Amino acid sequence: MEPSETVQIFWDRMQDRDWAGVGELLADDVVVEWPVSGERILGRENYVRINSEYPEGWSIDVLRILPSGSEVVVSEVEVPHGTMGVHRVASFWTVHHGLITSGREYWTELGADPSPAWRAPYVQRI
């Protein structure tokens, strides 16, 4: 299986809340970093538990998965939540032999970083 296929299946299983299936795609010693919140998650069990215990009301919309021709895959997803707003995440995954061995995910809430007034003449609001 190509690394990008592993990442697509990973996001599909996250959306389905198939936590055992998510775990099957992670190396036992996977390391996932969340730089925005300053956290590092060590191990398959911790990563699955954090995601399975997240408050319900969310869905995952895969916006793109960019294969690199190597073991590194970039994905961008949108995660709307009924009470917590809409989040976007850009993720950088390393996949060895069908298992995600590491990742770095940049989570942000849409509009959380307001644009300064001085940039207004140069940008369009989205």
Protein backbone atom coordinates (compact mmCIF):
# COMPACT_ATOMS: atom_id res chain seq x y z
CA MET A 1 0.00 0.00 0.00
CA GLU A 2 1.27 3.48 -0.87
CA PRO A 3 1.91 5.83 2.09
CA SER A 4 -0.79 8.22 0.83
CA GLU A 5 -3.33 5.36 0.87
CA THR A 6 -2.43 4.63 4.49
CA VAL A 7 -3.13 8.25 5.39
CA GLN A 8 -6.46 8.25 3.51
CA ILE A 9 -7.55 5.11 5.35
CA PHE A 10 -6.38 6.68 8.63
CA TRP A 11 -8.66 9.71 8.13
CA ASP A 12 -11.55 7.48 6.98
CA ARG A 13 -11.23 5.40 10.15
CA MET A 14 -11.02 8.53 12.31
CA GLN A 15 -14.27 9.77 10.75
CA ASP A 16 -15.89 6.36 11.36
CA ARG A 17 -14.66 6.30 15.00
CA ASP A 18 -13.04 2.96 14.19
CA TRP A 19 -10.51 3.27 16.99
CA ALA A 20 -9.18 -0.29 16.68
CA GLY A 21 -8.73 0.34 12.94
CA VAL A 22 -6.92 3.63 13.61
CA GLY A 23 -4.60 1.77 15.98
CA GLU A 24 -3.84 -0.83 13.30
CA LEU A 25 -2.35 1.95 11.14
CA LEU A 26 -0.05 3.31 13.87
CA ALA A 27 3.32 1.94 14.90
CA ASP A 28 3.32 0.91 18.55
CA ASP A 29 5.92 3.61 19.28
CA VAL A 30 4.39 6.32 17.06
CA VAL A 31 5.28 9.89 18.03
CA VAL A 32 2.87 12.67 17.07
CA GLU A 33 3.62 16.31 17.83
CA TRP A 34 1.10 19.13 18.12
CA PRO A 35 3.36 22.23 18.02
CA VAL A 36 0.51 24.75 18.31
CA SER A 37 -0.46 23.41 21.75
CA GLY A 38 3.08 22.36 22.66
CA GLU A 39 2.28 18.65 23.07
CA ARG A 40 3.97 15.40 22.06
CA ILE A 41 1.98 12.18 22.08
CA LEU A 42 4.05 9.04 22.64
CA GLY A 43 2.68 5.70 21.56
CA ARG A 44 -0.29 4.22 19.72
CA GLU A 45 -2.47 3.81 22.82
CA ASN A 46 -2.11 7.45 23.88
CA TYR A 47 -2.87 8.78 20.39
CA VAL A 48 -5.96 6.59 20.04
CA ARG A 49 -7.20 7.45 23.55
CA ILE A 50 -6.82 11.21 23.03
CA ASN A 51 -8.83 11.06 19.83
CA SER A 52 -11.46 8.62 21.08
CA GLU A 53 -12.11 10.72 24.18
CA TYR A 54 -12.45 14.01 22.30
CA PRO A 55 -15.97 15.42 22.83
CA GLU A 56 -18.42 14.23 20.17
CA GLY A 57 -20.01 16.51 17.60
CA TRP A 58 -17.19 16.55 15.05
CA SER A 59 -16.67 15.29 11.55
CA ILE A 60 -13.63 15.11 9.29
CA ASP A 61 -13.56 16.44 5.75
CA VAL A 62 -10.38 15.50 3.91
CA LEU A 63 -9.43 18.48 1.77
CA ARG A 64 -6.30 16.96 0.25
CA ILE A 65 -3.65 14.33 0.65
CA LEU A 66 -0.37 15.06 -1.08
CA PRO A 67 1.86 12.07 -1.77
CA SER A 68 5.53 12.96 -1.97
CA GLY A 69 6.98 9.91 -3.68
CA SER A 70 8.63 9.03 -0.39
CA GLU A 71 7.50 7.94 3.06
CA VAL A 72 6.27 11.44 3.92
CA VAL A 73 2.65 12.35 3.25
CA VAL A 74 1.01 15.73 3.81
CA SER A 75 -2.70 15.97 4.52
CA GLU A 76 -5.09 18.85 5.11
CA VAL A 77 -8.43 18.26 6.78
CA GLU A 78 -11.24 20.39 8.10
CA VAL A 79 -12.89 19.38 11.36
CA PRO A 80 -16.18 21.14 12.04
CA HIS A 81 -17.52 20.69 15.58
CA GLY A 82 -21.01 21.63 16.68
CA THR A 83 -19.88 23.60 19.75
CA MET A 84 -16.11 24.08 19.33
CA GLY A 85 -16.07 25.68 15.89
CA VAL A 86 -14.28 24.73 12.70
CA HIS A 87 -10.68 23.58 12.86
CA ARG A 88 -8.15 22.98 10.12
CA VAL A 89 -5.18 20.71 10.42
CA ALA A 90 -2.14 20.36 8.22
CA SER A 91 -0.40 17.09 9.02
CA PHE A 92 2.97 15.68 8.02
CA TRP A 93 3.02 11.89 8.35
CA THR A 94 5.89 9.44 8.01
CA VAL A 95 4.73 6.00 6.88
CA HIS A 96 6.96 2.89 6.92
CA HIS A 97 5.61 -0.39 5.50
CA GLY A 98 1.98 0.68 5.89
CA LEU A 99 2.31 2.04 9.44
CA ILE A 100 2.37 5.67 10.53
CA THR A 101 5.55 6.02 12.58
CA SER A 102 5.46 9.75 13.24
CA GLY A 103 3.45 12.84 12.59
CA ARG A 104 3.36 16.57 13.14
CA GLU A 105 -0.10 18.13 13.14
CA TYR A 106 -0.77 21.87 13.06
CA TRP A 107 -4.29 22.39 14.42
CA THR A 108 -5.92 25.80 14.35
CA GLU A 109 -9.42 27.16 14.65
CA LEU A 110 -10.54 29.15 11.63
CA GLY A 111 -10.23 32.86 12.43
CA ALA A 112 -8.21 32.21 15.61
CA ASP A 113 -5.31 34.30 14.34
CA PRO A 114 -6.90 37.63 13.43
CA SER A 115 -5.39 39.55 10.59
CA PRO A 116 -3.84 42.87 11.63
CA ALA A 117 -5.38 46.05 10.22
CA TRP A 118 -2.15 47.10 8.44
CA ARG A 119 -2.50 44.12 6.03
CA ALA A 120 -6.05 45.00 4.96
CA PRO A 121 -5.03 46.83 1.76
CA TYR A 122 -3.09 43.77 0.55
CA VAL A 123 -5.40 40.84 1.29
CA GLN A 124 -8.85 39.47 0.63
CA ARG A 125 -10.82 38.01 3.53
CA ILE A 126 -11.77 34.35 3.16
